[in-house]
C-alpha atoms as a PDB file:
ATOM      1  CA  MET A   1     -39.342  52.906  32.911  1.00  0.00           C
ATOM      2  CA  SER A   2     -36.681  50.294  33.365  1.00  0.00           C
ATOM      3  CA  GLN A   3     -34.352  49.379  30.528  1.00  0.00           C
ATOM      4  CA  SER A   4     -33.892  45.892  31.903  1.00  0.00           C
ATOM      5  CA  PRO A   5     -36.465  43.432  33.254  1.00  0.00           C
ATOM      6  CA  ILE A   6     -33.961  41.896  35.653  1.00  0.00           C
ATOM      7  CA  PRO A   7     -32.825  42.902  39.136  1.00  0.00           C
ATOM      8  CA  ASP A   8     -29.777  45.123  39.413  1.00  0.00           C
ATOM      9  CA  PRO A   9     -26.703  42.853  39.295  1.00  0.00           C
ATOM     10  CA  VAL A  10     -24.856  44.999  41.854  1.00  0.00           C
ATOM     11  CA  ASP A  11     -27.537  45.903  44.383  1.00  0.00           C
ATOM     12  CA  SER A  12     -29.311  42.531  44.153  1.00  0.00           C
ATOM     13  CA  ALA A  13     -26.670  40.037  43.023  1.00  0.00           C
ATOM     14  CA  GLU A  14     -28.499  36.946  44.281  1.00  0.00           C
ATOM     15  CA  ALA A  15     -31.839  38.063  42.807  1.00  0.00           C
ATOM     16  CA  TYR A  16     -30.045  38.808  39.527  1.00  0.00           C
ATOM     17  CA  ARG A  17     -28.530  35.327  39.390  1.00  0.00           C
ATOM     18  CA  ALA A  18     -31.822  33.709  40.415  1.00  0.00           C
ATOM     19  CA  THR A  19     -33.731  35.546  37.665  1.00  0.00           C
ATOM     20  CA  LEU A  20     -31.309  34.476  34.939  1.00  0.00           C
ATOM     21  CA  LEU A  21     -31.134  30.899  36.174  1.00  0.00           C
ATOM     22  CA  ALA A  22     -34.938  30.729  36.368  1.00  0.00           C
ATOM     23  CA  ALA A  23     -35.143  31.906  32.739  1.00  0.00           C
ATOM     24  CA  LEU A  24     -32.829  29.049  31.794  1.00  0.00           C
ATOM     25  CA  GLY A  25     -34.680  26.492  33.894  1.00  0.00           C
ATOM     26  CA  GLU A  26     -33.545  22.890  33.530  1.00  0.00           C
ATOM     27  CA  VAL A  27     -32.390  23.298  29.929  1.00  0.00           C
ATOM     28  CA  ASP A  28     -28.769  22.468  29.163  1.00  0.00           C
ATOM     29  CA  PRO A  29     -27.103  25.898  28.892  1.00  0.00           C
ATOM     30  CA  ALA A  30     -25.219  24.901  25.737  1.00  0.00           C
ATOM     31  CA  VAL A  31     -28.479  23.863  24.069  1.00  0.00           C
ATOM     32  CA  ALA A  32     -30.128  27.135  25.096  1.00  0.00           C
ATOM     33  CA  GLN A  33     -27.178  29.142  23.832  1.00  0.00           C
ATOM     34  CA  ARG A  34     -27.213  27.388  20.458  1.00  0.00           C
ATOM     35  CA  GLU A  35     -30.816  28.584  19.934  1.00  0.00           C
ATOM     36  CA  THR A  36     -30.059  32.276  20.375  1.00  0.00           C
ATOM     37  CA  SER A  37     -28.696  33.099  16.911  1.00  0.00           C
ATOM     38  CA  ALA A  38     -31.832  31.817  15.185  1.00  0.00           C
ATOM     39  CA  ARG A  39     -34.023  33.714  17.644  1.00  0.00           C
ATOM     40  CA  ILE A  40     -32.112  36.939  16.951  1.00  0.00           C
ATOM     41  CA  ARG A  41     -32.477  36.583  13.186  1.00  0.00           C
ATOM     42  CA  ALA A  42     -36.177  35.716  13.482  1.00  0.00           C
ATOM     43  CA  LEU A  43     -36.763  38.708  15.739  1.00  0.00           C
ATOM     44  CA  PHE A  44     -35.005  41.012  13.269  1.00  0.00           C
ATOM     45  CA  ASP A  45     -37.166  39.670  10.424  1.00  0.00           C
ATOM     46  CA  GLU A  46     -40.325  40.056  12.492  1.00  0.00           C
ATOM     47  CA  ALA A  47     -39.476  43.600  13.595  1.00  0.00           C
ATOM     48  CA  GLY A  48     -38.865  44.917  10.087  1.00  0.00           C
ATOM     49  CA  ASP A  49     -39.055  48.709  10.054  1.00  0.00           C
ATOM     50  CA  LEU A  50     -39.803  48.774  13.809  1.00  0.00           C
ATOM     51  CA  LEU A  51     -36.355  47.413  14.684  1.00  0.00           C
ATOM     52  CA  ARG A  52     -35.009  50.749  15.959  1.00  0.00           C
ATOM     53  CA  VAL A  53     -38.178  52.104  17.580  1.00  0.00           C
ATOM     54  CA  ARG A  54     -38.133  52.446  21.349  1.00  0.00           C
ATOM     55  CA  PRO A  55     -41.412  51.548  23.053  1.00  0.00           C
ATOM     56  CA  GLU A  56     -40.973  54.412  25.529  1.00  0.00           C
ATOM     57  CA  PRO A  57     -38.258  56.980  26.215  1.00  0.00           C
ATOM     58  CA  GLY A  58     -35.521  55.294  28.221  1.00  0.00           C
ATOM     59  CA  GLU A  59     -36.489  51.789  27.059  1.00  0.00           C
ATOM     60  CA  TRP A  60     -34.505  49.818  24.532  1.00  0.00           C
ATOM     61  CA  SER A  61     -35.561  49.048  20.983  1.00  0.00           C
ATOM     62  CA  VAL A  62     -35.308  45.525  19.583  1.00  0.00           C
ATOM     63  CA  LEU A  63     -31.941  46.407  18.068  1.00  0.00           C
ATOM     64  CA  GLU A  64     -30.646  47.842  21.335  1.00  0.00           C
ATOM     65  CA  CYS A  65     -31.710  44.713  23.237  1.00  0.00           C
ATOM     66  CA  VAL A  66     -29.782  42.583  20.772  1.00  0.00           C
ATOM     67  CA  GLY A  67     -26.832  44.974  20.892  1.00  0.00           C
ATOM     68  CA  HIS A  68     -26.742  44.393  24.636  1.00  0.00           C
ATOM     69  CA  ILE A  69     -26.830  40.617  24.106  1.00  0.00           C
ATOM     70  CA  VAL A  70     -23.834  40.946  21.768  1.00  0.00           C
ATOM     71  CA  ASP A  71     -21.952  43.085  24.299  1.00  0.00           C
ATOM     72  CA  SER A  72     -22.733  40.516  26.963  1.00  0.00           C
ATOM     73  CA  GLU A  73     -21.456  37.677  24.778  1.00  0.00           C
ATOM     74  CA  LEU A  74     -18.181  39.512  24.259  1.00  0.00           C
ATOM     75  CA  VAL A  75     -17.841  40.215  27.991  1.00  0.00           C
ATOM     76  CA  SER A  76     -18.906  36.708  29.076  1.00  0.00           C
ATOM     77  CA  GLY A  77     -16.452  35.063  26.698  1.00  0.00           C
ATOM     78  CA  THR A  78     -13.659  37.248  28.034  1.00  0.00           C
ATOM     79  CA  ARG A  79     -14.614  36.463  31.620  1.00  0.00           C
ATOM     80  CA  GLU A  80     -14.725  32.750  30.855  1.00  0.00           C
ATOM     81  CA  ARG A  81     -11.243  32.873  29.377  1.00  0.00           C
ATOM     82  CA  TRP A  82      -9.867  34.765  32.390  1.00  0.00           C
ATOM     83  CA  ILE A  83     -11.425  32.212  34.717  1.00  0.00           C
ATOM     84  CA  LEU A  84      -9.926  29.325  32.757  1.00  0.00           C
ATOM     85  CA  ALA A  85      -6.492  30.847  32.212  1.00  0.00           C
ATOM     86  CA  GLU A  86      -5.790  32.575  35.537  1.00  0.00           C
ATOM     87  CA  ASP A  87      -6.191  31.678  39.186  1.00  0.00           C
ATOM     88  CA  GLU A  88      -9.183  33.507  40.667  1.00  0.00           C
ATOM     89  CA  PRO A  89      -8.941  36.577  38.423  1.00  0.00           C
ATOM     90  CA  VAL A  90     -10.842  39.755  39.157  1.00  0.00           C
ATOM     91  CA  ILE A  91     -13.855  39.925  36.858  1.00  0.00           C
ATOM     92  CA  VAL A  92     -14.901  43.488  36.097  1.00  0.00           C
ATOM     93  CA  GLY A  93     -18.556  44.497  35.853  1.00  0.00           C
ATOM     94  CA  TYR A  94     -19.885  47.012  33.355  1.00  0.00           C
ATOM     95  CA  ASP A  95     -22.804  49.420  33.063  1.00  0.00           C
ATOM     96  CA  GLN A  96     -25.063  47.915  30.400  1.00  0.00           C
ATOM     97  CA  ALA A  97     -27.060  51.108  29.883  1.00  0.00           C
ATOM     98  CA  LEU A  98     -23.909  53.120  29.188  1.00  0.00           C
ATOM     99  CA  TRP A  99     -22.659  50.507  26.732  1.00  0.00           C
ATOM    100  CA  VAL A 100     -25.949  50.466  24.800  1.00  0.00           C
ATOM    101  CA  ASP A 101     -26.099  54.260  24.748  1.00  0.00           C
ATOM    102  CA  ARG A 102     -22.465  55.117  24.094  1.00  0.00           C
ATOM    103  CA  LEU A 103     -21.890  52.330  21.592  1.00  0.00           C
ATOM    104  CA  GLU A 104     -25.023  53.596  19.803  1.00  0.00           C
ATOM    105  CA  HIS A 105     -26.545  50.180  19.201  1.00  0.00           C
ATOM    106  CA  ASN A 106     -29.648  51.689  17.639  1.00  0.00           C
ATOM    107  CA  ALA A 107     -27.419  52.727  14.722  1.00  0.00           C
ATOM    108  CA  ASP A 108     -25.928  49.232  14.281  1.00  0.00           C
ATOM    109  CA  ASP A 109     -26.258  47.256  11.074  1.00  0.00           C
ATOM    110  CA  PRO A 110     -28.547  44.347  12.115  1.00  0.00           C
ATOM    111  CA  ALA A 111     -26.858  41.836   9.792  1.00  0.00           C
ATOM    112  CA  LEU A 112     -23.404  42.724  11.117  1.00  0.00           C
ATOM    113  CA  LEU A 113     -24.645  42.599  14.709  1.00  0.00           C
ATOM    114  CA  ALA A 114     -26.153  39.134  14.169  1.00  0.00           C
ATOM    115  CA  ALA A 115     -22.994  37.907  12.429  1.00  0.00           C
ATOM    116  CA  THR A 116     -20.787  39.260  15.224  1.00  0.00           C
ATOM    117  CA  PHE A 117     -22.914  37.473  17.791  1.00  0.00           C
ATOM    118  CA  GLU A 118     -22.759  34.198  15.854  1.00  0.00           C
ATOM    119  CA  VAL A 119     -18.954  34.260  15.647  1.00  0.00           C
ATOM    120  CA  LEU A 120     -18.560  35.060  19.345  1.00  0.00           C
ATOM    121  CA  ARG A 121     -21.141  32.474  20.412  1.00  0.00           C
ATOM    122  CA  THR A 122     -19.598  29.772  18.227  1.00  0.00           C
ATOM    123  CA  ALA A 123     -16.174  30.382  19.785  1.00  0.00           C
ATOM    124  CA  ASN A 124     -17.597  30.368  23.330  1.00  0.00           C
ATOM    125  CA  LEU A 125     -19.586  27.176  22.764  1.00  0.00           C
ATOM    126  CA  ASP A 126     -16.527  25.509  21.270  1.00  0.00           C
ATOM    127  CA  LEU A 127     -14.492  26.477  24.335  1.00  0.00           C
ATOM    128  CA  TRP A 128     -17.181  25.007  26.621  1.00  0.00           C
ATOM    129  CA  ALA A 129     -17.271  21.761  24.646  1.00  0.00           C
ATOM    130  CA  ARG A 130     -13.480  21.343  24.641  1.00  0.00           C
ATOM    131  CA  ARG A 131     -12.816  22.001  28.327  1.00  0.00           C
ATOM    132  CA  PRO A 132     -12.688  19.181  30.861  1.00  0.00           C
ATOM    133  CA  VAL A 133     -15.706  19.095  33.171  1.00  0.00           C
ATOM    134  CA  ALA A 134     -13.368  19.786  36.118  1.00  0.00           C
ATOM    135  CA  ASP A 135     -12.689  23.273  34.692  1.00  0.00           C
ATOM    136  CA  ARG A 136     -16.315  24.252  35.237  1.00  0.00           C
ATOM    137  CA  GLY A 137     -15.540  24.734  38.925  1.00  0.00           C
ATOM    138  CA  ARG A 138     -12.789  27.296  38.313  1.00  0.00           C
ATOM    139  CA  VAL A 139     -13.700  30.638  39.860  1.00  0.00           C
ATOM    140  CA  GLY A 140     -13.281  34.315  39.121  1.00  0.00           C
ATOM    141  CA  ARG A 141     -13.960  37.092  41.624  1.00  0.00           C
ATOM    142  CA  HIS A 142     -16.555  39.415  40.165  1.00  0.00           C
ATOM    143  CA  ASN A 143     -15.859  42.878  41.535  1.00  0.00           C
ATOM    144  CA  GLU A 144     -19.581  43.513  42.116  1.00  0.00           C
ATOM    145  CA  ARG A 145     -21.075  40.064  42.777  1.00  0.00           C
ATOM    146  CA  GLY A 146     -18.278  38.049  44.331  1.00  0.00           C
ATOM    147  CA  PRO A 147     -17.113  34.552  43.317  1.00  0.00           C
ATOM    148  CA  GLU A 148     -18.565  33.096  40.114  1.00  0.00           C
ATOM    149  CA  SER A 149     -17.478  29.841  38.520  1.00  0.00           C
ATOM    150  CA  TYR A 150     -16.958  29.160  34.847  1.00  0.00           C
ATOM    151  CA  GLU A 151     -20.096  27.028  34.913  1.00  0.00           C
ATOM    152  CA  MET A 152     -22.128  29.767  36.621  1.00  0.00           C
ATOM    153  CA  THR A 153     -20.885  32.340  34.121  1.00  0.00           C
ATOM    154  CA  PHE A 154     -21.870  30.041  31.249  1.00  0.00           C
ATOM    155  CA  ARG A 155     -25.308  29.287  32.756  1.00  0.00           C
ATOM    156  CA  LEU A 156     -25.961  32.978  33.437  1.00  0.00           C
ATOM    157  CA  ALA A 157     -25.164  33.792  29.795  1.00  0.00           C
ATOM    158  CA  ALA A 158     -27.807  31.314  28.639  1.00  0.00           C
ATOM    159  CA  GLY A 159     -30.455  32.767  30.949  1.00  0.00           C
ATOM    160  CA  HIS A 160     -29.386  36.292  30.020  1.00  0.00           C
ATOM    161  CA  ASP A 161     -30.093  35.551  26.349  1.00  0.00           C
ATOM    162  CA  ARG A 162     -33.618  34.427  27.140  1.00  0.00           C
ATOM    163  CA  VAL A 163     -34.388  37.380  29.404  1.00  0.00           C
ATOM    164  CA  HIS A 164     -33.249  39.972  26.878  1.00  0.00           C
ATOM    165  CA  LEU A 165     -34.764  38.243  23.851  1.00  0.00           C
ATOM    166  CA  ASP A 166     -38.061  38.270  25.747  1.00  0.00           C
ATOM    167  CA  GLN A 167     -37.474  41.959  26.520  1.00  0.00           C
ATOM    168  CA  ALA A 168     -36.915  42.622  22.808  1.00  0.00           C
ATOM    169  CA  GLN A 169     -40.123  40.760  21.937  1.00  0.00           C
ATOM    170  CA  ARG A 170     -42.069  42.819  24.497  1.00  0.00           C
ATOM    171  CA  ALA A 171     -40.556  46.013  23.075  1.00  0.00           C
ATOM    172  CA  LEU A 172     -41.692  45.027  19.594  1.00  0.00           C
ATOM    173  CA  GLU A 173     -45.190  44.186  20.811  1.00  0.00           C
ATOM    174  CA  ALA A 174     -45.439  47.530  22.642  1.00  0.00           C
ATOM    175  CA  VAL A 175     -44.335  49.449  19.547  1.00  0.00           C
ATOM    176  CA  ARG A 176     -46.821  47.562  17.387  1.00  0.00           C
ATOM    177  CA  ALA A 177     -49.631  48.245  19.849  1.00  0.00           C
ATOM    178  CA  ALA A 178     -48.772  51.945  19.981  1.00  0.00           C
ATOM    179  CA  ARG A 179     -48.882  52.120  16.186  1.00  0.00           C
ATOM    180  CA  GLY A 180     -52.051  50.054  15.859  1.00  0.00           C
ATOM    181  CA  ARG A 181     -50.333  47.191  14.026  1.00  0.00           C
END
């Protein structure tokens, strides 16, 4: 089974972007991003002792889904800063499955993970709010997907949150169903 409900960002770059942008819809990406921290904490509370349970082998637990969101926030914020600070920098992709596995997100402390996300997200939202609108058109060259603007990177992050929070919710529901809860 797939670890991610979205198209492969390398093999299907346009489908990947379209999926994340569709998840965002017409919502202001900053508004959507501000909602994520509360959704993470609510999901952790709801999951309780099922937080680390994988619905199937090879699928991510709730905690692993959130660990991936935190990794993505760190990477997106770094990409955004490269795009703003340098002229058409190379933006490096990463293998999300390897990060989740090798960083052992299922062993993470949920409170620390949520706090880490909140600090990163606050800094990235502050950067967005402080930059002139003209900076949103600055571009980086993603080594797997080609040119992506600061605005696109920011919008994709908002859609990415929604996709993976939904994935975490589905994982929790599948675990509950399997345990008769």
